[in-house]
Structures are given as C-alpha cells and as structure tokens.
C-alpha cells in the first residue's frame, strides 16, 4: 500500500502482490487440510476447492476475491490491457485483507496454532 503513496506508484504490481497473497493463503488452507491441488493462480478455482471442504469459503465470492485473478502472474507477464489505477490497487488491498483474514480465521478455528 505504501507503493501507492510514492511519486511513481505501480498499481499493477500492488494488485499482483495482493493476488499472490490471497492465493498463498488459500493454498495454505488446502495444505493444512491435506487436500492435493495443481499449480494454479486462479483464485476462483482455489476458492471452489476450499469450498468443497468448508462451505463458508463461498463468502469470498461475495467480496469479489476472484477478481484478483486479473492480477495473476500470467496476466502480469503479458502486461495489463490498461494499467490499473491507484483506486483499483486500493480495492485489491481491501479484498486481499478480507480474504486473508478469513482464511487465517478458518485455519485457527480448524486447530492451527499461529
């Protein structure tokens, strides 16, 4: 988020890191629950896999967590159709904060000690 307050902000990079953060949290949940998964940066796919274990993961669709897939490594490597705005990046930060907090809470309620 500090990146957005610099003289040369990079909102696409912020979005990419927020996508990575949520993807890693979802994968941590799957690893904790010993659920195999293939390499994917697709947030919707990861949410759906988590939802098969815990239906409460549906709530991540309600906060548009899957929209972060736009910022995945595949898209970032090809460059964005148009550079995301600082407002887009702030929205990504909000979504990622909610998504990561949700996953951490599910991990803790499942017995993981942090």
N, C-alpha and C. Protein backbone atom coordinates (compact mmCIF):
# COMPACT_ATOMS: atom_id res chain seq x y z
N UNK A 1 0.82 -1.18 0.00
CA UNK A 1 0.00 0.00 0.00
C UNK A 1 0.87 1.25 0.00
N UNK A 2 2.05 1.17 0.65
CA UNK A 2 2.94 2.35 0.65
C UNK A 2 3.34 2.73 -0.76
N UNK A 3 3.43 1.74 -1.64
CA UNK A 3 3.80 1.99 -3.02
C UNK A 3 2.88 3.04 -3.65
N UNK A 4 1.63 3.03 -3.27
CA UNK A 4 0.66 3.95 -3.87
C UNK A 4 0.86 5.39 -3.42
N UNK A 5 1.65 5.59 -2.37
CA UNK A 5 1.90 6.94 -1.86
C UNK A 5 3.24 7.50 -2.33
N UNK A 6 3.87 6.83 -3.28
CA UNK A 6 5.16 7.30 -3.80
C UNK A 6 4.93 8.22 -5.00
N UNK A 7 6.01 8.81 -5.48
CA UNK A 7 5.92 9.67 -6.66
C UNK A 7 5.67 8.87 -7.94
N UNK A 8 6.00 7.59 -7.90
CA UNK A 8 5.85 6.74 -9.09
C UNK A 8 5.15 5.43 -8.69
N UNK A 9 3.84 5.50 -8.37
CA UNK A 9 3.15 4.29 -7.91
C UNK A 9 3.02 3.25 -9.02
N UNK A 10 2.95 2.01 -8.63
CA UNK A 10 2.79 0.90 -9.58
C UNK A 10 1.59 0.05 -9.16
N UNK A 11 0.38 0.52 -9.47
CA UNK A 11 -0.83 -0.18 -9.03
C UNK A 11 -0.92 -1.62 -9.52
N UNK A 12 -0.41 -1.90 -10.72
CA UNK A 12 -0.43 -3.27 -11.22
C UNK A 12 0.41 -4.21 -10.36
N UNK A 13 1.54 -3.71 -9.88
CA UNK A 13 2.40 -4.51 -9.02
C UNK A 13 1.71 -4.76 -7.67
N UNK A 14 1.05 -3.73 -7.15
CA UNK A 14 0.30 -3.89 -5.89
C UNK A 14 -0.78 -4.96 -6.08
N UNK A 15 -1.54 -4.87 -7.18
CA UNK A 15 -2.58 -5.87 -7.45
C UNK A 15 -2.00 -7.27 -7.56
N UNK A 16 -0.85 -7.39 -8.22
CA UNK A 16 -0.19 -8.69 -8.36
C UNK A 16 0.15 -9.27 -6.98
N UNK A 17 0.71 -8.45 -6.11
CA UNK A 17 1.09 -8.95 -4.78
C UNK A 17 -0.14 -9.30 -3.94
N UNK A 18 -1.22 -8.58 -4.12
CA UNK A 18 -2.44 -8.91 -3.39
C UNK A 18 -3.02 -10.23 -3.89
N UNK A 19 -2.96 -10.46 -5.20
CA UNK A 19 -3.41 -11.73 -5.76
C UNK A 19 -2.57 -12.88 -5.21
N UNK A 20 -1.26 -12.67 -5.18
CA UNK A 20 -0.36 -13.70 -4.67
C UNK A 20 -0.64 -14.00 -3.20
N UNK A 21 -0.89 -12.97 -2.44
CA UNK A 21 -1.17 -13.13 -1.01
C UNK A 21 -2.40 -14.01 -0.78
N UNK A 22 -3.48 -13.70 -1.48
CA UNK A 22 -4.71 -14.48 -1.31
C UNK A 22 -4.51 -15.90 -1.81
N UNK A 23 -3.86 -16.07 -2.95
CA UNK A 23 -3.61 -17.41 -3.48
C UNK A 23 -2.79 -18.24 -2.50
N UNK A 24 -1.77 -17.66 -1.91
CA UNK A 24 -0.93 -18.40 -0.95
C UNK A 24 -1.72 -18.77 0.30
N UNK A 25 -2.58 -17.88 0.76
CA UNK A 25 -3.41 -18.20 1.93
C UNK A 25 -4.36 -19.36 1.61
N UNK A 26 -5.00 -19.32 0.45
CA UNK A 26 -5.90 -20.41 0.07
C UNK A 26 -5.13 -21.73 -0.04
N UNK A 27 -3.96 -21.68 -0.62
CA UNK A 27 -3.13 -22.89 -0.74
C UNK A 27 -2.69 -23.39 0.63
N UNK A 28 -2.41 -22.48 1.55
CA UNK A 28 -2.05 -22.89 2.92
C UNK A 28 -3.20 -23.65 3.57
N UNK A 29 -4.41 -23.17 3.35
CA UNK A 29 -5.59 -23.87 3.88
C UNK A 29 -5.67 -25.28 3.30
N UNK A 30 -5.48 -25.40 1.99
CA UNK A 30 -5.54 -26.71 1.34
C UNK A 30 -4.44 -27.63 1.86
N UNK A 31 -3.25 -27.12 2.04
CA UNK A 31 -2.14 -27.92 2.58
C UNK A 31 -2.48 -28.36 4.01
N UNK A 32 -2.97 -27.43 4.81
CA UNK A 32 -3.34 -27.75 6.20
C UNK A 32 -4.38 -28.86 6.26
N UNK A 33 -5.32 -28.81 5.33
CA UNK A 33 -6.38 -29.82 5.30
C UNK A 33 -5.99 -31.04 4.47
N UNK A 34 -4.74 -31.08 4.00
CA UNK A 34 -4.18 -32.20 3.24
C UNK A 34 -4.98 -32.50 1.97
N UNK A 35 -5.33 -31.43 1.26
CA UNK A 35 -6.06 -31.56 0.01
C UNK A 35 -5.09 -31.28 -1.13
N UNK A 36 -4.89 -32.24 -2.01
CA UNK A 36 -3.99 -32.00 -3.15
C UNK A 36 -4.61 -31.00 -4.13
N UNK A 37 -3.75 -30.24 -4.76
CA UNK A 37 -4.20 -29.27 -5.77
C UNK A 37 -3.08 -29.12 -6.79
N UNK A 38 -3.47 -28.72 -7.98
CA UNK A 38 -2.46 -28.50 -9.02
C UNK A 38 -2.06 -27.03 -9.02
N UNK A 39 -0.98 -26.75 -9.66
CA UNK A 39 -0.46 -25.38 -9.74
C UNK A 39 -1.51 -24.49 -10.39
N UNK A 40 -1.92 -23.47 -9.68
CA UNK A 40 -2.94 -22.57 -10.22
C UNK A 40 -2.81 -21.20 -9.56
N UNK A 41 -3.07 -20.18 -10.35
CA UNK A 41 -3.13 -18.81 -9.82
C UNK A 41 -4.56 -18.30 -9.88
N UNK A 42 -5.48 -19.18 -10.24
CA UNK A 42 -6.88 -18.82 -10.40
C UNK A 42 -7.57 -18.83 -9.04
N UNK A 43 -7.86 -17.64 -8.54
CA UNK A 43 -8.46 -17.51 -7.21
C UNK A 43 -9.81 -18.22 -7.15
N UNK A 44 -10.63 -18.08 -8.19
CA UNK A 44 -11.95 -18.72 -8.21
C UNK A 44 -11.81 -20.24 -8.08
N UNK A 45 -10.85 -20.81 -8.78
CA UNK A 45 -10.62 -22.25 -8.73
C UNK A 45 -10.18 -22.68 -7.32
N UNK A 46 -9.29 -21.90 -6.72
CA UNK A 46 -8.82 -22.22 -5.37
C UNK A 46 -9.94 -22.07 -4.34
N UNK A 47 -10.75 -21.03 -4.49
CA UNK A 47 -11.89 -20.86 -3.57
C UNK A 47 -12.83 -22.05 -3.69
N UNK A 48 -13.11 -22.46 -4.91
CA UNK A 48 -14.03 -23.59 -5.12
C UNK A 48 -13.48 -24.86 -4.48
N UNK A 49 -12.20 -25.09 -4.59
CA UNK A 49 -11.60 -26.27 -3.97
C UNK A 49 -11.70 -26.19 -2.44
N UNK A 50 -11.45 -25.01 -1.89
CA UNK A 50 -11.59 -24.81 -0.44
C UNK A 50 -13.04 -24.97 -0.01
N UNK A 51 -13.95 -24.51 -0.85
CA UNK A 51 -15.38 -24.58 -0.54
C UNK A 51 -15.87 -26.02 -0.46
N UNK A 52 -15.22 -26.93 -1.17
CA UNK A 52 -15.63 -28.34 -1.08
C UNK A 52 -15.34 -28.91 0.30
N UNK A 53 -14.44 -28.27 1.04
CA UNK A 53 -14.10 -28.69 2.39
C UNK A 53 -14.90 -27.90 3.41
N UNK A 54 -15.08 -26.62 3.13
CA UNK A 54 -15.72 -25.70 4.07
C UNK A 54 -16.61 -24.74 3.27
N UNK A 55 -17.91 -24.93 3.35
CA UNK A 55 -18.84 -24.14 2.54
C UNK A 55 -18.79 -22.65 2.85
N UNK A 56 -18.23 -22.26 4.00
CA UNK A 56 -18.11 -20.84 4.34
C UNK A 56 -17.19 -20.09 3.38
N UNK A 57 -16.37 -20.81 2.63
CA UNK A 57 -15.49 -20.15 1.66
C UNK A 57 -16.29 -19.46 0.54
N UNK A 58 -17.56 -19.81 0.42
CA UNK A 58 -18.44 -19.14 -0.55
C UNK A 58 -18.45 -17.63 -0.29
N UNK A 59 -18.27 -17.23 0.95
CA UNK A 59 -18.30 -15.80 1.28
C UNK A 59 -17.19 -15.03 0.58
N UNK A 60 -16.11 -15.69 0.19
CA UNK A 60 -15.05 -15.00 -0.54
C UNK A 60 -15.52 -14.57 -1.93
N UNK A 61 -16.47 -15.30 -2.48
CA UNK A 61 -17.03 -14.88 -3.77
C UNK A 61 -17.86 -13.62 -3.60
N UNK A 62 -18.46 -13.46 -2.42
CA UNK A 62 -19.29 -12.29 -2.16
C UNK A 62 -18.47 -11.01 -2.05
N UNK A 63 -17.19 -11.13 -1.69
CA UNK A 63 -16.33 -9.94 -1.62
C UNK A 63 -15.47 -9.80 -2.87
N UNK A 64 -15.81 -10.56 -3.90
CA UNK A 64 -15.15 -10.49 -5.21
C UNK A 64 -13.67 -10.86 -5.15
N UNK A 65 -13.31 -11.78 -4.27
CA UNK A 65 -11.91 -12.20 -4.17
C UNK A 65 -11.40 -12.77 -5.48
N UNK A 66 -12.28 -13.40 -6.24
CA UNK A 66 -11.84 -13.99 -7.51
C UNK A 66 -11.43 -12.93 -8.53
N UNK A 67 -11.82 -11.67 -8.32
CA UNK A 67 -11.42 -10.61 -9.25
C UNK A 67 -9.91 -10.36 -9.20
N UNK A 68 -9.26 -10.83 -8.15
CA UNK A 68 -7.81 -10.67 -8.05
C UNK A 68 -7.07 -11.51 -9.09
N UNK A 69 -7.74 -12.50 -9.64
CA UNK A 69 -7.09 -13.33 -10.66
C UNK A 69 -6.62 -12.51 -11.85
N UNK A 70 -7.25 -11.37 -12.08
CA UNK A 70 -6.84 -10.48 -13.16
C UNK A 70 -5.37 -10.08 -13.01
N UNK A 71 -4.89 -10.05 -11.78
CA UNK A 71 -3.53 -9.60 -11.48
C UNK A 71 -2.54 -10.76 -11.37
N UNK A 72 -2.96 -11.97 -11.76
CA UNK A 72 -2.09 -13.13 -11.61
C UNK A 72 -0.83 -13.02 -12.45
N UNK A 73 0.09 -13.89 -12.20
CA UNK A 73 1.39 -13.86 -12.85
C UNK A 73 1.26 -13.97 -14.36
N UNK A 74 0.31 -14.78 -14.84
CA UNK A 74 0.14 -14.92 -16.28
C UNK A 74 -0.24 -13.59 -16.92
N UNK A 75 -1.16 -12.89 -16.30
CA UNK A 75 -1.60 -11.60 -16.84
C UNK A 75 -0.50 -10.56 -16.69
N UNK A 76 0.14 -10.55 -15.54
CA UNK A 76 1.18 -9.56 -15.29
C UNK A 76 2.34 -9.71 -16.27
N UNK A 77 2.68 -10.96 -16.60
CA UNK A 77 3.78 -11.18 -17.54
C UNK A 77 3.45 -10.68 -18.94
N UNK A 78 2.18 -10.72 -19.30
CA UNK A 78 1.76 -10.25 -20.62
C UNK A 78 1.52 -8.75 -20.63
N UNK A 79 1.49 -8.16 -19.49
CA UNK A 79 1.16 -6.77 -19.21
C UNK A 79 -0.34 -6.56 -19.33
N UNK A 80 -0.82 -5.64 -18.56
CA UNK A 80 -2.25 -5.39 -18.46
C UNK A 80 -2.78 -4.71 -19.72
N UNK A 81 -4.04 -4.98 -20.03
CA UNK A 81 -4.67 -4.33 -21.18
C UNK A 81 -4.60 -2.81 -20.98
N UNK A 82 -4.84 -2.37 -19.78
CA UNK A 82 -4.63 -0.97 -19.40
C UNK A 82 -4.13 -0.97 -17.97
N UNK A 83 -3.22 -0.08 -17.68
CA UNK A 83 -2.62 -0.05 -16.34
C UNK A 83 -3.71 0.22 -15.31
N UNK A 84 -3.78 -0.64 -14.28
CA UNK A 84 -4.77 -0.40 -13.23
C UNK A 84 -4.52 0.94 -12.54
N UNK A 85 -5.56 1.50 -12.00
CA UNK A 85 -5.45 2.79 -11.30
C UNK A 85 -5.08 2.56 -9.84
N UNK A 86 -4.73 3.63 -9.17
CA UNK A 86 -4.46 3.55 -7.73
C UNK A 86 -5.71 3.11 -6.99
N UNK A 87 -6.88 3.54 -7.46
CA UNK A 87 -8.14 3.11 -6.84
C UNK A 87 -8.33 1.60 -7.00
N UNK A 88 -7.98 1.07 -8.18
CA UNK A 88 -8.04 -0.37 -8.40
C UNK A 88 -7.14 -1.09 -7.39
N UNK A 89 -5.94 -0.57 -7.20
CA UNK A 89 -4.98 -1.19 -6.29
C UNK A 89 -5.49 -1.13 -4.85
N UNK A 90 -6.09 -0.02 -4.47
CA UNK A 90 -6.65 0.09 -3.11
C UNK A 90 -7.77 -0.93 -2.91
N UNK A 91 -8.59 -1.11 -3.93
CA UNK A 91 -9.65 -2.11 -3.86
C UNK A 91 -9.05 -3.51 -3.71
N UNK A 92 -7.97 -3.79 -4.44
CA UNK A 92 -7.28 -5.08 -4.31
C UNK A 92 -6.79 -5.29 -2.88
N UNK A 93 -6.26 -4.24 -2.28
CA UNK A 93 -5.77 -4.33 -0.90
C UNK A 93 -6.91 -4.65 0.06
N UNK A 94 -8.05 -4.03 -0.15
CA UNK A 94 -9.22 -4.30 0.70
C UNK A 94 -9.67 -5.75 0.56
N UNK A 95 -9.79 -6.20 -0.69
CA UNK A 95 -10.20 -7.57 -0.94
C UNK A 95 -9.21 -8.55 -0.32
N UNK A 96 -7.93 -8.32 -0.55
CA UNK A 96 -6.90 -9.23 -0.02
C UNK A 96 -6.93 -9.25 1.50
N UNK A 97 -7.11 -8.09 2.11
CA UNK A 97 -7.18 -8.05 3.57
C UNK A 97 -8.32 -8.89 4.10
N UNK A 98 -9.48 -8.76 3.49
CA UNK A 98 -10.64 -9.55 3.91
C UNK A 98 -10.43 -11.04 3.65
N UNK A 99 -9.90 -11.35 2.46
CA UNK A 99 -9.69 -12.74 2.10
C UNK A 99 -8.67 -13.43 2.99
N UNK A 100 -7.56 -12.76 3.24
CA UNK A 100 -6.51 -13.36 4.07
C UNK A 100 -6.97 -13.51 5.52
N UNK A 101 -7.67 -12.51 6.02
CA UNK A 101 -8.20 -12.59 7.39
C UNK A 101 -9.17 -13.76 7.51
N UNK A 102 -10.02 -13.92 6.51
CA UNK A 102 -10.98 -15.03 6.51
C UNK A 102 -10.25 -16.37 6.58
N UNK A 103 -9.25 -16.55 5.72
CA UNK A 103 -8.53 -17.82 5.68
C UNK A 103 -7.80 -18.08 7.00
N UNK A 104 -7.14 -17.07 7.53
CA UNK A 104 -6.44 -17.24 8.81
C UNK A 104 -7.43 -17.66 9.89
N UNK A 105 -8.59 -17.04 9.93
CA UNK A 105 -9.60 -17.41 10.92
C UNK A 105 -10.05 -18.85 10.75
N UNK A 106 -10.20 -19.30 9.49
CA UNK A 106 -10.60 -20.69 9.24
C UNK A 106 -9.49 -21.65 9.67
N UNK A 107 -8.24 -21.26 9.45
CA UNK A 107 -7.11 -22.10 9.87
C UNK A 107 -7.07 -22.22 11.39
N UNK A 108 -7.23 -21.11 12.07
CA UNK A 108 -7.19 -21.10 13.53
C UNK A 108 -8.38 -21.90 14.09
N UNK A 109 -9.57 -21.69 13.53
CA UNK A 109 -10.73 -22.44 14.02
C UNK A 109 -10.60 -23.93 13.72
N UNK A 110 -9.76 -24.27 12.73
CA UNK A 110 -9.50 -25.67 12.40
C UNK A 110 -8.40 -26.29 13.22
N UNK A 111 -7.81 -25.51 14.11
CA UNK A 111 -6.81 -26.07 15.01
C UNK A 111 -5.38 -25.63 14.78
N UNK A 112 -5.12 -24.85 13.77
CA UNK A 112 -3.75 -24.37 13.54
C UNK A 112 -3.42 -23.33 14.59
N UNK A 113 -2.29 -23.50 15.23
CA UNK A 113 -1.83 -22.51 16.22
C UNK A 113 -0.86 -21.57 15.57
N UNK A 114 -1.19 -20.30 15.61
CA UNK A 114 -0.36 -19.28 14.98
C UNK A 114 0.33 -18.46 16.05
